[in-house]
PDB file of all heavy atoms in Angstrom:
ATOM      1  N   VAL A   1      76.623  86.326 112.306  1.00  0.00           N
ATOM      2  CA  VAL A   1      78.032  85.941 112.240  1.00  0.00           C
ATOM      3  C   VAL A   1      78.918  87.177 112.205  1.00  0.00           C
ATOM      4  O   VAL A   1      79.926  87.267 112.913  1.00  0.00           O
ATOM      5  CB  VAL A   1      78.297  85.058 110.998  1.00  0.00           C
ATOM      6  CG1 VAL A   1      79.795  84.802 110.836  1.00  0.00           C
ATOM      7  CG2 VAL A   1      77.542  83.748 111.109  1.00  0.00           C
ATOM      8  N   ALA A   2      78.526  88.153 111.396  1.00  0.00           N
ATOM      9  CA  ALA A   2      79.299  89.384 111.297  1.00  0.00           C
ATOM     10  C   ALA A   2      79.371  90.105 112.639  1.00  0.00           C
ATOM     11  O   ALA A   2      80.423  90.617 113.034  1.00  0.00           O
ATOM     12  CB  ALA A   2      78.695  90.294 110.230  1.00  0.00           C
ATOM     13  N   ALA A   3      78.242  90.139 113.360  1.00  0.00           N
ATOM     14  CA  ALA A   3      78.203  90.805 114.662  1.00  0.00           C
ATOM     15  C   ALA A   3      79.088  90.084 115.674  1.00  0.00           C
ATOM     16  O   ALA A   3      79.798  90.708 116.474  1.00  0.00           O
ATOM     17  CB  ALA A   3      76.772  90.885 115.164  1.00  0.00           C
ATOM     18  N   ALA A   4      79.064  88.754 115.646  1.00  0.00           N
ATOM     19  CA  ALA A   4      79.880  87.974 116.580  1.00  0.00           C
ATOM     20  C   ALA A   4      81.363  88.175 116.308  1.00  0.00           C
ATOM     21  O   ALA A   4      82.170  88.288 117.236  1.00  0.00           O
ATOM     22  CB  ALA A   4      79.516  86.492 116.477  1.00  0.00           C
ATOM     23  N   LEU A   5      81.715  88.231 115.044  1.00  0.00           N
ATOM     24  CA  LEU A   5      83.115  88.435 114.687  1.00  0.00           C
ATOM     25  C   LEU A   5      83.588  89.835 115.060  1.00  0.00           C
ATOM     26  O   LEU A   5      84.728  90.019 115.492  1.00  0.00           O
ATOM     27  CB  LEU A   5      83.311  88.196 113.186  1.00  0.00           C
ATOM     28  CG  LEU A   5      83.220  86.733 112.757  1.00  0.00           C
ATOM     29  CD1 LEU A   5      83.117  86.631 111.251  1.00  0.00           C
ATOM     30  CD2 LEU A   5      84.431  85.953 113.260  1.00  0.00           C
ATOM     31  N   LYS A   6      82.718  90.811 114.909  1.00  0.00           N
ATOM     32  CA  LYS A   6      83.079  92.169 115.311  1.00  0.00           C
ATOM     33  C   LYS A   6      83.369  92.221 116.799  1.00  0.00           C
ATOM     34  O   LYS A   6      84.313  92.870 117.256  1.00  0.00           O
ATOM     35  CB  LYS A   6      81.950  93.144 114.953  1.00  0.00           C
ATOM     36  CG  LYS A   6      82.278  94.596 115.263  1.00  0.00           C
ATOM     37  CD  LYS A   6      81.158  95.517 114.818  1.00  0.00           C
ATOM     38  CE  LYS A   6      81.490  96.970 115.108  1.00  0.00           C
ATOM     39  NZ  LYS A   6      80.395  97.884 114.679  1.00  0.00           N
ATOM     40  N   GLN A   7      82.570  91.501 117.587  1.00  0.00           N
ATOM     41  CA  GLN A   7      82.778  91.459 119.025  1.00  0.00           C
ATOM     42  C   GLN A   7      84.095  90.756 119.363  1.00  0.00           C
ATOM     43  O   GLN A   7      84.768  91.105 120.345  1.00  0.00           O
ATOM     44  CB  GLN A   7      81.613  90.729 119.707  1.00  0.00           C
ATOM     45  CG  GLN A   7      81.709  90.678 121.224  1.00  0.00           C
ATOM     46  CD  GLN A   7      81.628  92.057 121.863  1.00  0.00           C
ATOM     47  OE1 GLN A   7      80.991  92.952 121.323  1.00  0.00           O
ATOM     48  NE2 GLN A   7      82.278  92.218 123.007  1.00  0.00           N
ATOM     49  N   ALA A   8      84.491  89.794 118.528  1.00  0.00           N
ATOM     50  CA  ALA A   8      85.723  89.049 118.780  1.00  0.00           C
ATOM     51  C   ALA A   8      86.951  89.936 118.693  1.00  0.00           C
ATOM     52  O   ALA A   8      88.004  89.618 119.264  1.00  0.00           O
ATOM     53  CB  ALA A   8      85.844  87.887 117.796  1.00  0.00           C
ATOM     54  N   PHE A   9      86.844  91.051 117.980  1.00  0.00           N
ATOM     55  CA  PHE A   9      87.975  91.956 117.846  1.00  0.00           C
ATOM     56  C   PHE A   9      88.004  93.004 118.964  1.00  0.00           C
ATOM     57  O   PHE A   9      88.920  93.828 119.012  1.00  0.00           O
ATOM     58  CB  PHE A   9      87.945  92.647 116.482  1.00  0.00           C
ATOM     59  CG  PHE A   9      88.433  91.763 115.369  1.00  0.00           C
ATOM     60  CD1 PHE A   9      87.559  90.961 114.661  1.00  0.00           C
ATOM     61  CD2 PHE A   9      89.779  91.728 115.032  1.00  0.00           C
ATOM     62  CE1 PHE A   9      88.010  90.135 113.636  1.00  0.00           C
ATOM     63  CE2 PHE A   9      90.238  90.903 114.023  1.00  0.00           C
ATOM     64  CZ  PHE A   9      89.360  90.109 113.319  1.00  0.00           C
ATOM     65  N   ALA A  10      87.023  92.987 119.841  1.00  0.00           N
ATOM     66  CA  ALA A  10      87.014  93.909 120.983  1.00  0.00           C
ATOM     67  C   ALA A  10      87.848  93.290 122.102  1.00  0.00           C
ATOM     68  O   ALA A  10      87.334  92.654 123.016  1.00  0.00           O
ATOM     69  CB  ALA A  10      85.581  94.161 121.444  1.00  0.00           C
ATOM     70  N   LEU A  11      89.160  93.455 122.001  1.00  0.00           N
ATOM     71  CA  LEU A  11      90.098  92.796 122.900  1.00  0.00           C
ATOM     72  C   LEU A  11      90.686  93.775 123.909  1.00  0.00           C
ATOM     73  O   LEU A  11      90.709  94.984 123.671  1.00  0.00           O
ATOM     74  CB  LEU A  11      91.234  92.165 122.080  1.00  0.00           C
ATOM     75  CG  LEU A  11      90.799  91.135 121.032  1.00  0.00           C
ATOM     76  CD1 LEU A  11      91.991  90.741 120.170  1.00  0.00           C
ATOM     77  CD2 LEU A  11      90.205  89.913 121.703  1.00  0.00           C
ATOM     78  N   PRO A  12      91.194  93.253 125.026  1.00  0.00           N
ATOM     79  CA  PRO A  12      91.861  94.120 126.001  1.00  0.00           C
ATOM     80  C   PRO A  12      93.095  94.770 125.396  1.00  0.00           C
ATOM     81  O   PRO A  12      93.663  94.257 124.427  1.00  0.00           O
ATOM     82  CB  PRO A  12      92.249  93.138 127.128  1.00  0.00           C
ATOM     83  CG  PRO A  12      91.368  91.960 126.932  1.00  0.00           C
ATOM     84  CD  PRO A  12      91.121  91.863 125.462  1.00  0.00           C
ATOM     85  N   PRO A  13      93.545  95.885 125.945  1.00  0.00           N
ATOM     86  CA  PRO A  13      94.754  96.552 125.451  1.00  0.00           C
ATOM     87  C   PRO A  13      95.949  95.605 125.462  1.00  0.00           C
ATOM     88  O   PRO A  13      96.125  94.815 126.386  1.00  0.00           O
ATOM     89  CB  PRO A  13      94.953  97.710 126.429  1.00  0.00           C
ATOM     90  CG  PRO A  13      93.593  97.968 126.983  1.00  0.00           C
ATOM     91  CD  PRO A  13      92.916  96.630 127.047  1.00  0.00           C
ATOM     92  N   GLY A  14      96.774  95.694 124.409  1.00  0.00           N
ATOM     93  CA  GLY A  14      97.954  94.851 124.339  1.00  0.00           C
ATOM     94  C   GLY A  14      97.740  93.531 123.640  1.00  0.00           C
ATOM     95  O   GLY A  14      98.691  92.783 123.415  1.00  0.00           O
ATOM     96  N   LEU A  15      96.486  93.206 123.296  1.00  0.00           N
ATOM     97  CA  LEU A  15      96.181  91.976 122.575  1.00  0.00           C
ATOM     98  C   LEU A  15      95.652  92.306 121.191  1.00  0.00           C
ATOM     99  O   LEU A  15      94.990  93.314 120.995  1.00  0.00           O
ATOM    100  CB  LEU A  15      95.151  91.138 123.335  1.00  0.00           C
ATOM    101  CG  LEU A  15      95.581  90.545 124.680  1.00  0.00           C
ATOM    102  CD1 LEU A  15      94.417  89.775 125.287  1.00  0.00           C
ATOM    103  CD2 LEU A  15      96.788  89.647 124.523  1.00  0.00           C
ATOM    104  N   ARG A  16      95.942  91.445 120.247  1.00  0.00           N
ATOM    105  CA  ARG A  16      95.447  91.640 118.881  1.00  0.00           C
ATOM    106  C   ARG A  16      95.099  90.286 118.280  1.00  0.00           C
ATOM    107  O   ARG A  16      95.780  89.292 118.526  1.00  0.00           O
ATOM    108  CB  ARG A  16      96.479  92.375 118.025  1.00  0.00           C
ATOM    109  CG  ARG A  16      97.833  91.724 117.931  1.00  0.00           C
ATOM    110  CD  ARG A  16      98.834  92.582 117.151  1.00  0.00           C
ATOM    111  NE  ARG A  16      99.232  93.750 117.915  1.00  0.00           N
ATOM    112  CZ  ARG A  16      99.273  94.990 117.396  1.00  0.00           C
ATOM    113  NH1 ARG A  16      98.941  95.204 116.150  1.00  0.00           N
ATOM    114  NH2 ARG A  16      99.664  96.011 118.132  1.00  0.00           N
ATOM    115  N   ALA A  17      94.042  90.239 117.516  1.00  0.00           N
ATOM    116  CA  ALA A  17      93.635  89.000 116.857  1.00  0.00           C
ATOM    117  C   ALA A  17      94.598  88.696 115.714  1.00  0.00           C
ATOM    118  O   ALA A  17      95.088  89.593 115.041  1.00  0.00           O
ATOM    119  CB  ALA A  17      92.214  89.140 116.317  1.00  0.00           C
ATOM    120  N   HIS A  18      94.873  87.411 115.518  1.00  0.00           N
ATOM    121  CA  HIS A  18      95.745  86.993 114.416  1.00  0.00           C
ATOM    122  C   HIS A  18      94.879  86.639 113.220  1.00  0.00           C
ATOM    123  O   HIS A  18      94.040  85.741 113.281  1.00  0.00           O
ATOM    124  CB  HIS A  18      96.606  85.806 114.824  1.00  0.00           C
ATOM    125  CG  HIS A  18      97.717  85.522 113.870  1.00  0.00           C
ATOM    126  ND1 HIS A  18      98.812  86.346 113.722  1.00  0.00           N
ATOM    127  CD2 HIS A  18      97.892  84.516 112.984  1.00  0.00           C
ATOM    128  CE1 HIS A  18      99.624  85.862 112.810  1.00  0.00           C
ATOM    129  NE2 HIS A  18      99.083  84.748 112.338  1.00  0.00           N
ATOM    130  N   LEU A  19      95.056  87.355 112.108  1.00  0.00           N
ATOM    131  CA  LEU A  19      94.186  87.201 110.939  1.00  0.00           C
ATOM    132  C   LEU A  19      94.486  85.947 110.139  1.00  0.00           C
ATOM    133  O   LEU A  19      93.597  85.396 109.480  1.00  0.00           O
ATOM    134  CB  LEU A  19      94.322  88.423 110.030  1.00  0.00           C
ATOM    135  CG  LEU A  19      93.961  89.774 110.657  1.00  0.00           C
ATOM    136  CD1 LEU A  19      94.226  90.895 109.662  1.00  0.00           C
ATOM    137  CD2 LEU A  19      92.505  89.781 111.109  1.00  0.00           C
ATOM    138  N   GLY A  20      95.732  85.481 110.188  1.00  0.00           N
ATOM    139  CA  GLY A  20      96.101  84.314 109.401  1.00  0.00           C
ATOM    140  C   GLY A  20      97.548  84.394 108.966  1.00  0.00           C
ATOM    141  O   GLY A  20      98.298  85.290 109.375  1.00  0.00           O
ATOM    142  N   ASP A  21      97.945  83.438 108.122  1.00  0.00           N
ATOM    143  CA  ASP A  21      99.323  83.376 107.634  1.00  0.00           C
ATOM    144  C   ASP A  21      99.331  83.187 106.124  1.00  0.00           C
ATOM    145  O   ASP A  21      98.448  82.517 105.564  1.00  0.00           O
ATOM    146  CB  ASP A  21     100.070  82.206 108.273  1.00  0.00           C
ATOM    147  CG  ASP A  21     100.180  82.341 109.781  1.00  0.00           C
ATOM    148  OD1 ASP A  21     100.716  83.365 110.237  1.00  0.00           O
ATOM    149  OD2 ASP A  21      99.725  81.424 110.501  1.00  0.00           O
ATOM    150  N   LEU A  22     100.331  83.759 105.489  1.00  0.00           N
ATOM    151  CA  LEU A  22     100.543  83.496 104.074  1.00  0.00           C
ATOM    152  C   LEU A  22     102.002  83.137 103.865  1.00  0.00           C
ATOM    153  O   LEU A  22     102.882  83.577 104.610  1.00  0.00           O
ATOM    154  CB  LEU A  22     100.154  84.701 103.214  1.00  0.00           C
ATOM    155  CG  LEU A  22     100.884  86.011 103.443  1.00  0.00           C
ATOM    156  CD1 LEU A  22     101.697  86.383 102.211  1.00  0.00           C
ATOM    157  CD2 LEU A  22      99.878  87.137 103.724  1.00  0.00           C
ATOM    158  N   ILE A  23     102.256  82.294 102.890  1.00  0.00           N
ATOM    159  CA  ILE A  23     103.616  81.846 102.597  1.00  0.00           C
ATOM    160  C   ILE A  23     103.890  82.048 101.116  1.00  0.00           C
ATOM    161  O   ILE A  23     103.072  81.682 100.267  1.00  0.00           O
ATOM    162  CB  ILE A  23     103.822  80.378 103.029  1.00  0.00           C
ATOM    163  CG1 ILE A  23     105.243  79.914 102.720  1.00  0.00           C
ATOM    164  CG2 ILE A  23     102.793  79.455 102.410  1.00  0.00           C
ATOM    165  CD1 ILE A  23     105.611  78.599 103.405  1.00  0.00           C
ATOM    166  N   VAL A  24     105.013  82.681 100.826  1.00  0.00           N
ATOM    167  CA  VAL A  24     105.373  83.045  99.457  1.00  0.00           C
ATOM    168  C   VAL A  24     106.653  82.328  99.061  1.00  0.00           C
ATOM    169  O   VAL A  24     107.614  82.274  99.847  1.00  0.00           O
ATOM    170  CB  VAL A  24     105.580  84.565  99.317  1.00  0.00           C
ATOM    171  CG1 VAL A  24     105.900  84.932  97.871  1.00  0.00           C
ATOM    172  CG2 VAL A  24     104.359  85.327  99.804  1.00  0.00           C
ATOM    173  N   SER A  25     106.684  81.787  97.862  1.00  0.00           N
ATOM    174  CA  SER A  25     107.896  81.174  97.346  1.00  0.00           C
ATOM    175  C   SER A  25     108.751  82.249  96.680  1.00  0.00           C
ATOM    176  O   SER A  25     108.387  82.783  95.624  1.00  0.00           O
ATOM    177  CB  SER A  25     107.576  80.069  96.330  1.00  0.00           C
ATOM    178  OG  SER A  25     108.769  79.645  95.687  1.00  0.00           O
ATOM    179  N   VAL A  26     109.893  82.553  97.298  1.00  0.00           N
ATOM    180  CA  VAL A  26     110.815  83.514  96.694  1.00  0.00           C
ATOM    181  C   VAL A  26     111.403  82.916  95.417  1.00  0.00           C
ATOM    182  O   VAL A  26     111.683  83.640  94.452  1.00  0.00           O
ATOM    183  CB  VAL A  26     111.916  83.902  97.701  1.00  0.00           C
ATOM    184  CG1 VAL A  26     112.921  84.867  97.069  1.00  0.00           C
ATOM    185  CG2 VAL A  26     111.292  84.534  98.941  1.00  0.00           C
ATOM    186  N   ASP A  27     111.576  81.599  95.390  1.00  0.00           N
ATOM    187  CA  ASP A  27     112.043  80.932  94.167  1.00  0.00           C
ATOM    188  C   ASP A  27     111.123  81.250  92.995  1.00  0.00           C
ATOM    189  O   ASP A  27     111.572  81.590  91.894  1.00  0.00           O
ATOM    190  CB  ASP A  27     112.075  79.410  94.363  1.00  0.00           C
ATOM    191  CG  ASP A  27     113.147  78.956  95.323  1.00  0.00           C
ATOM    192  OD1 ASP A  27     114.063  79.746  95.602  1.00  0.00           O
ATOM    193  OD2 ASP A  27     113.058  77.796  95.798  1.00  0.00           O
ATOM    194  N   ARG A  28     109.815  81.125  93.217  1.00  0.00           N
ATOM    195  CA  ARG A  28     108.836  81.384  92.152  1.00  0.00           C
ATOM    196  C   ARG A  28     108.851  82.852  91.757  1.00  0.00           C
ATOM    197  O   ARG A  28     108.736  83.187  90.575  1.00  0.00           O
ATOM    198  CB  ARG A  28     107.431  81.014  92.624  1.00  0.00           C
ATOM    199  CG  ARG A  28     107.094  79.556  92.746  1.00  0.00           C
ATOM    200  CD  ARG A  28     107.129  78.833  91.422  1.00  0.00           C
ATOM    201  NE  ARG A  28     108.479  78.307  91.194  1.00  0.00           N
ATOM    202  CZ  ARG A  28     109.053  78.173  90.023  1.00  0.00           C
ATOM    203  NH1 ARG A  28     108.434  78.554  88.928  1.00  0.00           N
ATOM    204  NH2 ARG A  28     110.281  77.691  89.907  1.00  0.00           N
ATOM    205  N   ALA A  29     108.963  83.737  92.728  1.00  0.00           N
ATOM    206  CA  ALA A  29     108.974  85.175  92.428  1.00  0.00           C
ATOM    207  C   ALA A  29     110.134  85.518  91.515  1.00  0.00           C
ATOM    208  O   ALA A  29     109.974  86.254  90.525  1.00  0.00           O
ATOM    209  CB  ALA A  29     109.054  85.979  93.725  1.00  0.00           C
ATOM    210  N   ILE A  30     111.312  84.976  91.825  1.00  0.00           N
ATOM    211  CA  ILE A  30     112.499  85.260  91.007  1.00  0.00           C
ATOM    212  C   ILE A  30     112.345  84.667  89.614  1.00  0.00           C
ATOM    213  O   ILE A  30     112.591  85.334  88.602  1.00  0.00           O
ATOM    214  CB  ILE A  30     113.756  84.711  91.698  1.00  0.00           C
ATOM    215  CG1 ILE A  30     114.017  85.472  93.005  1.00  0.00           C
ATOM    216  CG2 ILE A  30     114.965  84.800  90.778  1.00  0.00           C
ATOM    217  CD1 ILE A  30     115.135  84.887  93.848  1.00  0.00           C
ATOM    218  N   ALA A  31     111.925  83.401  89.542  1.00  0.00           N
ATOM    219  CA  ALA A  31     111.815  82.724  88.247  1.00  0.00           C
ATOM    220  C   ALA A  31     110.746  83.358  87.369  1.00  0.00           C
ATOM    221  O   ALA A  31     110.970  83.608  86.174  1.00  0.00           O
ATOM    222  CB  ALA A  31     111.509  81.243  88.462  1.00  0.00           C
ATOM    223  N   GLN A  32     109.574  83.609  87.933  1.00  0.00           N
ATOM    224  CA  GLN A  32     108.483  84.175  87.136  1.00  0.00           C
ATOM    225  C   GLN A  32     108.826  85.560  86.616  1.00  0.00           C
ATOM    226  O   GLN A  32     108.504  85.904  85.469  1.00  0.00           O
ATOM    227  CB  GLN A  32     107.200  84.210  87.975  1.00  0.00           C
ATOM    228  CG  GLN A  32     106.638  82.814  88.224  1.00  0.00           C
ATOM    229  CD  GLN A  32     105.502  82.759  89.227  1.00  0.00           C
ATOM    230  OE1 GLN A  32     105.007  81.681  89.551  1.00  0.00           O
ATOM    231  NE2 GLN A  32     105.067  83.890  89.750  1.00  0.00           N
ATOM    232  N   ALA A  33     109.497  86.361  87.440  1.00  0.00           N
ATOM    233  CA  ALA A  33     109.852  87.710  87.012  1.00  0.00           C
ATOM    234  C   ALA A  33     110.906  87.684  85.927  1.00  0.00           C
ATOM    235  O   ALA A  33     110.789  88.381  84.900  1.00  0.00           O
ATOM    236  CB  ALA A  33     110.345  88.525  88.212  1.00  0.00           C
ATOM    237  N   SER A  34     111.951  86.879  86.109  1.00  0.00           N
ATOM    238  CA  SER A  34     113.072  86.876  85.163  1.00  0.00           C
ATOM    239  C   SER A  34     112.742  86.169  83.857  1.00  0.00           C
ATOM    240  O   SER A  34     113.338  86.471  82.814  1.00  0.00           O
ATOM    241  CB  SER A  34     114.295  86.215  85.815  1.00  0.00           C
ATOM    242  OG  SER A  34     114.019  84.872  86.169  1.00  0.00           O
ATOM    243  N   GLU A  35     111.782  85.246  83.897  1.00  0.00           N
ATOM    244  CA  GLU A  35     111.413  84.492  82.700  1.00  0.00           C
ATOM    245  C   GLU A  35     110.218  85.088  81.965  1.00  0.00           C
ATOM    246  O   GLU A  35     109.727  84.503  80.998  1.00  0.00           O
ATOM    247  CB  GLU A  35     111.124  83.043  83.079  1.00  0.00           C
ATOM    248  CG  GLU A  35     112.332  82.299  83.638  1.00  0.00           C
ATOM    249  CD  GLU A  35     111.969  80.956  84.247  1.00  0.00           C
ATOM    250  OE1 GLU A  35     110.787  80.548  84.096  1.00  0.00           O
ATOM    251  OE2 GLU A  35     112.849  80.324  84.859  1.00  0.00           O
ATOM    252  N   GLY A  36     109.752  86.245  82.425  1.00  0.00           N
ATOM    253  CA  GLY A  36     108.615  86.871  81.766  1.00  0.00           C
ATOM    254  C   GLY A  36     107.301  86.170  82.017  1.00  0.00           C
ATOM    255  O   GLY A  36     106.377  86.250  81.199  1.00  0.00           O
ATOM    256  N   ARG A  37     107.188  85.500  83.176  1.00  0.00           N
ATOM    257  CA  ARG A  37     105.953  84.802  83.536  1.00  0.00           C
ATOM    258  C   ARG A  37     105.317  85.404  84.771  1.00  0.00           C
ATOM    259  O   ARG A  37     104.572  84.753  85.494  1.00  0.00           O
ATOM    260  CB  ARG A  37     106.234  83.312  83.764  1.00  0.00           C
ATOM    261  CG  ARG A  37     106.747  82.583  82.544  1.00  0.00           C
ATOM    262  CD  ARG A  37     106.899  81.098  82.775  1.00  0.00           C
ATOM    263  NE  ARG A  37     108.003  80.805  83.696  1.00  0.00           N
ATOM    264  CZ  ARG A  37     107.852  80.367  84.930  1.00  0.00           C
ATOM    265  NH1 ARG A  37     106.644  80.202  85.436  1.00  0.00           N
ATOM    266  NH2 ARG A  37     108.905  80.109  85.690  1.00  0.00           N
ATOM    267  N   GLY A  38     105.615  86.687  85.014  1.00  0.00           N
ATOM    268  CA  GLY A  38     105.126  87.328  86.222  1.00  0.00           C
ATOM    269  C   GLY A  38     103.849  88.107  86.019  1.00  0.00           C
ATOM    270  O   GLY A  38     103.202  88.032  84.974  1.00  0.00           O
TER     271      GLY A  38
END
């Protein structure tokens, strides 16, 4: 599996694999920091 995945990243110039997405709540960041829950 590791070898196959390594080969998957051998892409032509100008292309890049997309690793994934993450989503952050700015509301939570502000509240947790200001309320001492960070």
